[in-house]
Amino acid sequence: MTLTAAPRLLLVHAHPDDESLWTGGTIARYAAAGVQVTLVTCTLGEEGEVIPPSLRSLASDAADQLGGYRIGELRAACSALGVSDHRWLGGVGRWRDSGMAGTEANRHPRAFASGDLDEQAAALAEVVERVRPQVVITYGPDGGYGHPDHVRAHEVTMAACDGVDRVFFAVTSRGATEAGVAALAGYADLPFRLPEPDELPVTDDDVITTVVDTAEALSVKMRAMAAHPTQITVWHGGEGERAYALSNGIAQPIPPAEFYLLGRGPAEGAATDLFGGLT
């Protein structure tokens, strides 16, 4: 880094667990290097599917208490990652998890994806004004895999971050994913099913602009992922064997790098460092 001012990183994520799944290694790496990391989460993740049978009564179609439970999960993940500044967009519970596209949850009166974009952008702009980050991370225009809340998080971020030096979109690499899945196929005790070809969302590597080496932060990322047991099952096998699955039980690799598209700002110096080349 060549910044003359203290480096500040802001991440805008839709639900608790997204920070760990998409950017956990990046957060851990930069937090350990002394970067001020601020995490903004847009909803409580009320519509998530619950993995442990003992907790399934928390789900939205039962007691509808999952959002409150996930506050504790996110607090534990932030502690693992080194995030000391976490904020809920608009305050705790202001906007609700919209659920997957086409579900009844899309029509909830507090659904994030159908909320007032100007109000949401103003809430984020207030955070940006106070934190003054040089770098912001969110999702691309498609939300990474089409989730309405991820798409809205992108829209809110782009509306609120005009003055930020760089905005990055978190993505998954086709090459790293395919290599990781090939390795998973050789794990004898993998407790999840392997993904079918093209079942996992990926981005072609020739359009990826930035690769952040997170090898030294992998153990921290996995601890943060494991802090979300309602949503993620993390598996450790033999030496170097690792994977995770969501409620669908599909095995996913955990590569030693995280991948980004530069959405706004100068590209020079950004190939391997989010702050590279900034002054």
Protein backbone atom coordinates (compact mmCIF):
# COMPACT_ATOMS: atom_id res chain seq x y z
CA MET A 1 0.00 0.00 0.00
CA THR A 2 1.16 3.55 -0.72
CA LEU A 3 -1.67 5.44 0.98
CA THR A 4 -0.67 8.53 2.93
CA ALA A 5 -3.93 8.42 4.93
CA ALA A 6 -4.93 5.47 7.10
CA PRO A 7 -6.48 2.82 4.82
CA ARG A 8 -10.20 2.25 5.34
CA LEU A 9 -12.24 -0.55 3.80
CA LEU A 10 -16.06 -0.65 3.73
CA LEU A 11 -18.03 -3.76 2.78
CA VAL A 12 -21.75 -3.79 1.98
CA HIS A 13 -23.35 -7.22 2.30
CA ALA A 14 -26.97 -8.32 2.06
CA HIS A 15 -27.22 -10.89 4.87
CA PRO A 16 -25.25 -12.23 7.83
CA ASP A 17 -22.82 -14.90 6.52
CA ASP A 18 -22.21 -13.15 3.17
CA GLU A 19 -19.28 -11.29 4.71
CA SER A 20 -17.59 -14.60 5.56
CA LEU A 21 -18.53 -16.56 2.45
CA TRP A 22 -17.66 -13.90 -0.13
CA THR A 23 -14.98 -11.80 1.54
CA GLY A 24 -13.91 -13.45 4.81
CA GLY A 25 -10.31 -13.96 3.75
CA THR A 26 -10.03 -10.41 2.46
CA ILE A 27 -11.47 -8.95 5.66
CA ALA A 28 -9.15 -11.02 7.82
CA ARG A 29 -6.08 -10.18 5.74
CA TYR A 30 -6.63 -6.43 5.74
CA ALA A 31 -7.82 -6.22 9.34
CA ALA A 32 -4.67 -8.06 10.45
CA ALA A 33 -2.61 -5.53 8.47
CA GLY A 34 -4.12 -2.62 10.41
CA VAL A 35 -6.74 -1.50 7.89
CA GLN A 36 -9.89 -0.06 9.44
CA VAL A 37 -12.65 -2.40 8.26
CA THR A 38 -16.31 -1.37 8.43
CA LEU A 39 -19.01 -3.90 7.60
CA VAL A 40 -22.55 -2.84 6.69
CA THR A 41 -25.20 -5.59 6.64
CA CYS A 42 -28.50 -4.76 4.97
CA THR A 43 -30.88 -7.33 6.51
CA LEU A 44 -31.00 -9.84 9.36
CA GLY A 45 -31.31 -12.78 6.96
CA GLU A 46 -34.76 -13.72 8.24
CA GLU A 47 -35.57 -15.91 5.22
CA GLY A 48 -32.55 -18.18 5.41
CA GLU A 49 -33.04 -21.95 5.45
CA VAL A 50 -31.97 -23.42 8.79
CA ILE A 51 -29.56 -26.36 8.73
CA PRO A 52 -29.56 -27.79 12.30
CA PRO A 53 -32.81 -29.68 12.99
CA SER A 54 -32.79 -28.42 16.57
CA LEU A 55 -33.05 -24.81 15.34
CA ARG A 56 -35.50 -25.17 12.46
CA SER A 57 -38.34 -23.70 14.50
CA LEU A 58 -36.56 -20.34 14.16
CA ALA A 59 -37.40 -20.22 10.44
CA SER A 60 -39.73 -17.66 8.90
CA ASP A 61 -42.45 -20.27 8.33
CA ALA A 62 -42.40 -21.22 12.03
CA ALA A 63 -41.48 -18.89 14.94
CA ASP A 64 -39.87 -16.36 12.58
CA GLN A 65 -37.06 -15.66 15.03
CA LEU A 66 -34.12 -16.48 12.77
CA GLY A 67 -33.12 -12.86 12.22
CA GLY A 68 -32.55 -12.26 15.91
CA TYR A 69 -30.56 -15.48 16.19
CA ARG A 70 -28.36 -14.51 13.28
CA ILE A 71 -27.38 -11.27 14.99
CA GLY A 72 -25.41 -13.41 17.42
CA GLU A 73 -23.89 -15.48 14.63
CA LEU A 74 -22.72 -12.35 12.85
CA ARG A 75 -21.25 -10.92 16.04
CA ALA A 76 -19.17 -14.09 16.46
CA ALA A 77 -18.04 -13.99 12.82
CA CYS A 78 -17.00 -10.35 13.12
CA SER A 79 -14.97 -11.19 16.21
CA ALA A 80 -13.17 -13.96 14.33
CA LEU A 81 -12.44 -11.75 11.33
CA GLY A 82 -11.25 -8.75 13.31
CA VAL A 83 -14.16 -6.45 12.42
CA SER A 84 -14.67 -3.90 15.19
CA ASP A 85 -17.04 -1.62 13.27
CA HIS A 86 -20.23 -3.34 12.17
CA ARG A 87 -23.43 -1.51 11.26
CA TRP A 88 -26.93 -2.50 10.15
CA LEU A 89 -28.13 -0.43 7.22
CA GLY A 90 -30.76 1.95 8.57
CA GLY A 91 -30.58 0.31 12.02
CA VAL A 92 -31.24 -3.22 13.22
CA GLY A 93 -34.17 -4.75 11.33
CA ARG A 94 -35.00 -1.67 9.25
CA TRP A 95 -35.16 -3.80 6.11
CA ARG A 96 -36.04 -7.46 5.92
CA ASP A 97 -34.55 -10.33 3.93
CA SER A 98 -36.50 -10.45 0.66
CA GLY A 99 -36.00 -14.17 0.09
CA MET A 100 -35.16 -15.71 -3.26
CA ALA A 101 -36.64 -14.25 -6.45
CA GLY A 102 -40.30 -15.11 -6.94
CA THR A 103 -41.06 -16.05 -3.33
CA GLU A 104 -43.79 -14.63 -1.10
CA ALA A 105 -41.13 -12.88 1.00
CA ASN A 106 -40.50 -10.51 -1.93
CA ARG A 107 -43.82 -8.84 -1.08
CA HIS A 108 -43.17 -8.26 2.61
CA PRO A 109 -43.70 -4.54 3.42
CA ARG A 110 -40.14 -4.25 4.76
CA ALA A 111 -38.48 -6.35 2.03
CA PHE A 112 -35.09 -4.83 1.27
CA ALA A 113 -35.25 -5.43 -2.47
CA SER A 114 -38.49 -3.47 -2.86
CA GLY A 115 -37.71 -0.78 -0.30
CA ASP A 116 -37.18 2.88 -1.06
CA LEU A 117 -33.85 3.02 -2.91
CA ASP A 118 -33.31 6.68 -2.11
CA GLU A 119 -33.81 6.06 1.62
CA GLN A 120 -31.47 3.07 1.54
CA ALA A 121 -28.80 4.96 -0.40
CA ALA A 122 -29.07 7.91 1.99
CA ALA A 123 -28.53 5.57 4.96
CA LEU A 124 -25.40 4.13 3.34
CA ALA A 125 -24.18 7.56 2.22
CA GLU A 126 -24.26 8.65 5.87
CA VAL A 127 -21.98 5.76 6.78
CA VAL A 128 -19.66 6.55 3.86
CA GLU A 129 -19.46 10.19 4.93
CA ARG A 130 -18.48 9.23 8.46
CA VAL A 131 -16.08 6.41 7.62
CA ARG A 132 -14.61 7.95 4.44
CA PRO A 133 -13.34 4.66 2.98
CA GLN A 134 -10.98 4.62 0.04
CA VAL A 135 -12.25 1.17 -1.01
CA VAL A 136 -15.76 -0.31 -0.97
CA ILE A 137 -16.73 -3.92 -1.72
CA THR A 138 -20.18 -5.18 -2.67
CA TYR A 139 -21.66 -7.44 -5.38
CA GLY A 140 -21.90 -6.95 -9.13
CA PRO A 141 -25.09 -5.89 -10.93
CA ASP A 142 -26.42 -9.47 -10.94
CA GLY A 143 -25.79 -9.87 -7.23
CA GLY A 144 -23.41 -12.74 -7.87
CA TYR A 145 -26.21 -15.27 -8.39
CA GLY A 146 -29.38 -13.23 -8.80
CA HIS A 147 -30.59 -12.91 -5.21
CA PRO A 148 -32.82 -9.80 -5.06
CA ASP A 149 -31.12 -8.49 -1.91
CA HIS A 150 -27.67 -8.82 -3.46
CA VAL A 151 -28.84 -6.93 -6.52
CA ARG A 152 -30.32 -4.19 -4.33
CA ALA A 153 -27.11 -4.02 -2.25
CA HIS A 154 -25.26 -3.33 -5.50
CA GLU A 155 -27.73 -0.61 -6.47
CA VAL A 156 -27.57 1.04 -3.06
CA THR A 157 -23.78 0.95 -3.00
CA MET A 158 -23.36 2.45 -6.44
CA ALA A 159 -25.83 5.23 -5.58
CA ALA A 160 -24.09 6.05 -2.29
CA CYS A 161 -20.39 5.80 -3.15
CA ASP A 162 -19.71 8.40 -5.85
CA GLY A 163 -16.74 9.87 -4.00
CA VAL A 164 -15.00 6.62 -3.12
CA ASP A 165 -11.67 5.92 -4.84
CA ARG A 166 -12.51 2.31 -5.76
CA VAL A 167 -15.55 0.07 -5.71
CA PHE A 168 -15.04 -3.66 -6.16
CA PHE A 169 -17.54 -6.43 -6.89
CA ALA A 170 -16.93 -9.75 -5.14
CA VAL A 171 -17.11 -12.73 -7.51
CA THR A 172 -16.13 -16.39 -7.65
CA SER A 173 -13.48 -17.56 -10.10
CA ARG A 174 -14.33 -20.21 -12.67
CA GLY A 175 -10.78 -21.55 -12.66
CA ALA A 176 -10.44 -21.68 -8.88
CA THR A 177 -13.90 -23.22 -8.49
CA GLU A 178 -13.29 -25.91 -11.09
CA ALA A 179 -9.89 -26.76 -9.61
CA GLY A 180 -11.42 -26.85 -6.14
CA VAL A 181 -14.27 -29.13 -7.21
CA ALA A 182 -11.80 -31.46 -8.92
CA ALA A 183 -9.91 -31.70 -5.64
CA LEU A 184 -13.12 -32.36 -3.71
CA ALA A 185 -13.79 -35.35 -5.92
CA GLY A 186 -10.70 -37.00 -4.43
CA TYR A 187 -11.73 -36.56 -0.79
CA ALA A 188 -12.75 -39.93 0.60
CA ASP A 189 -14.87 -38.72 3.51
CA LEU A 190 -16.56 -35.66 2.01
CA PRO A 191 -20.03 -35.52 3.65
CA PHE A 192 -21.66 -33.45 0.88
CA ARG A 193 -22.62 -34.24 -2.70
CA LEU A 194 -20.42 -32.90 -5.46
CA PRO A 195 -21.84 -30.09 -7.62
CA GLU A 196 -23.01 -30.85 -11.12
CA PRO A 197 -21.18 -29.13 -14.01
CA ASP A 198 -22.03 -25.39 -14.05
CA GLU A 199 -24.18 -25.74 -10.91
CA LEU A 200 -22.12 -23.23 -8.93
CA PRO A 201 -22.13 -19.55 -9.96
CA VAL A 202 -18.76 -18.46 -11.35
CA THR A 203 -17.12 -15.62 -13.26
CA ASP A 204 -14.74 -16.18 -16.15
CA ASP A 205 -11.18 -15.47 -15.08
CA ASP A 206 -10.38 -13.29 -18.05
CA VAL A 207 -12.66 -10.55 -16.70
CA ILE A 208 -11.50 -10.75 -13.08
CA THR A 209 -9.39 -7.69 -12.32
CA THR A 210 -8.16 -8.38 -8.79
CA VAL A 211 -7.02 -11.50 -6.96
CA VAL A 212 -6.42 -11.16 -3.22
CA ASP A 213 -4.20 -13.87 -1.74
CA THR A 214 -5.97 -15.14 1.36
CA ALA A 215 -3.96 -18.32 2.00
CA GLU A 216 -2.67 -17.11 5.36
CA ALA A 217 -6.19 -16.08 6.40
CA LEU A 218 -7.95 -19.34 5.48
CA SER A 219 -8.19 -20.63 9.04
CA VAL A 220 -9.70 -17.33 10.15
CA LYS A 221 -12.18 -17.34 7.27
CA MET A 222 -13.26 -20.87 8.12
CA ARG A 223 -13.78 -19.94 11.78
CA ALA A 224 -15.97 -17.05 10.66
CA MET A 225 -17.94 -19.31 8.33
CA ALA A 226 -18.41 -21.82 11.15
CA ALA A 227 -19.82 -18.99 13.29
CA HIS A 228 -22.93 -19.17 11.04
CA PRO A 229 -24.09 -22.74 11.80
CA THR A 230 -27.70 -22.06 10.83
CA GLN A 231 -26.53 -21.38 7.28
CA ILE A 232 -23.15 -23.04 6.70
CA THR A 233 -21.60 -26.43 7.45
CA VAL A 234 -17.79 -26.29 7.35
CA TRP A 235 -15.86 -29.54 6.86
CA HIS A 236 -12.21 -30.28 7.64
CA GLY A 237 -10.83 -33.53 6.26
CA GLY A 238 -7.23 -34.66 6.04
CA GLU A 239 -4.30 -32.31 5.55
CA GLY A 240 -5.38 -29.50 3.24
CA GLU A 241 -8.87 -30.95 2.79
CA ARG A 242 -11.61 -28.40 3.36
CA ALA A 243 -15.09 -27.67 2.02
CA TYR A 244 -18.40 -26.23 3.02
CA ALA A 245 -22.05 -26.60 2.13
CA LEU A 246 -25.16 -24.51 2.51
CA SER A 247 -28.57 -25.97 3.30
CA ASN A 248 -28.67 -27.65 -0.13
CA GLY A 249 -25.83 -30.00 0.87
CA ILE A 250 -23.76 -29.21 -2.23
CA ALA A 251 -20.00 -29.29 -1.60
CA GLN A 252 -18.17 -26.07 -2.37
CA PRO A 253 -14.41 -25.50 -2.30
CA ILE A 254 -12.68 -22.81 -0.24
CA PRO A 255 -9.88 -21.46 -2.48
CA PRO A 256 -6.82 -19.69 -1.00
CA ALA A 257 -7.74 -16.45 -2.76
CA GLU A 258 -10.74 -14.16 -3.22
CA PHE A 259 -11.69 -12.53 -6.49
CA TYR A 260 -13.02 -9.15 -7.57
CA LEU A 261 -14.09 -7.05 -10.50
CA LEU A 262 -13.13 -3.39 -10.35
CA GLY A 263 -16.42 -1.58 -10.72
CA ARG A 264 -15.22 1.99 -10.30
CA GLY A 265 -11.87 3.72 -9.92
CA PRO A 266 -8.29 3.44 -11.22
CA ALA A 267 -7.04 0.00 -12.20
CA GLU A 268 -3.31 0.66 -11.87
CA GLY A 269 -1.89 -1.21 -8.89
CA ALA A 270 -5.13 -3.09 -8.14
CA ALA A 271 -4.25 -6.52 -9.55
CA THR A 272 -3.38 -8.04 -6.17
CA ASP A 273 -4.09 -5.28 -3.64
CA LEU A 274 -7.39 -3.45 -3.15
CA PHE A 275 -5.47 -0.32 -2.12
CA GLY A 276 -2.56 -0.74 -4.55
CA GLY A 277 -1.57 2.48 -6.33
CA LEU A 278 -3.88 4.71 -4.29
CA THR A 279 -2.33 7.80 -2.72
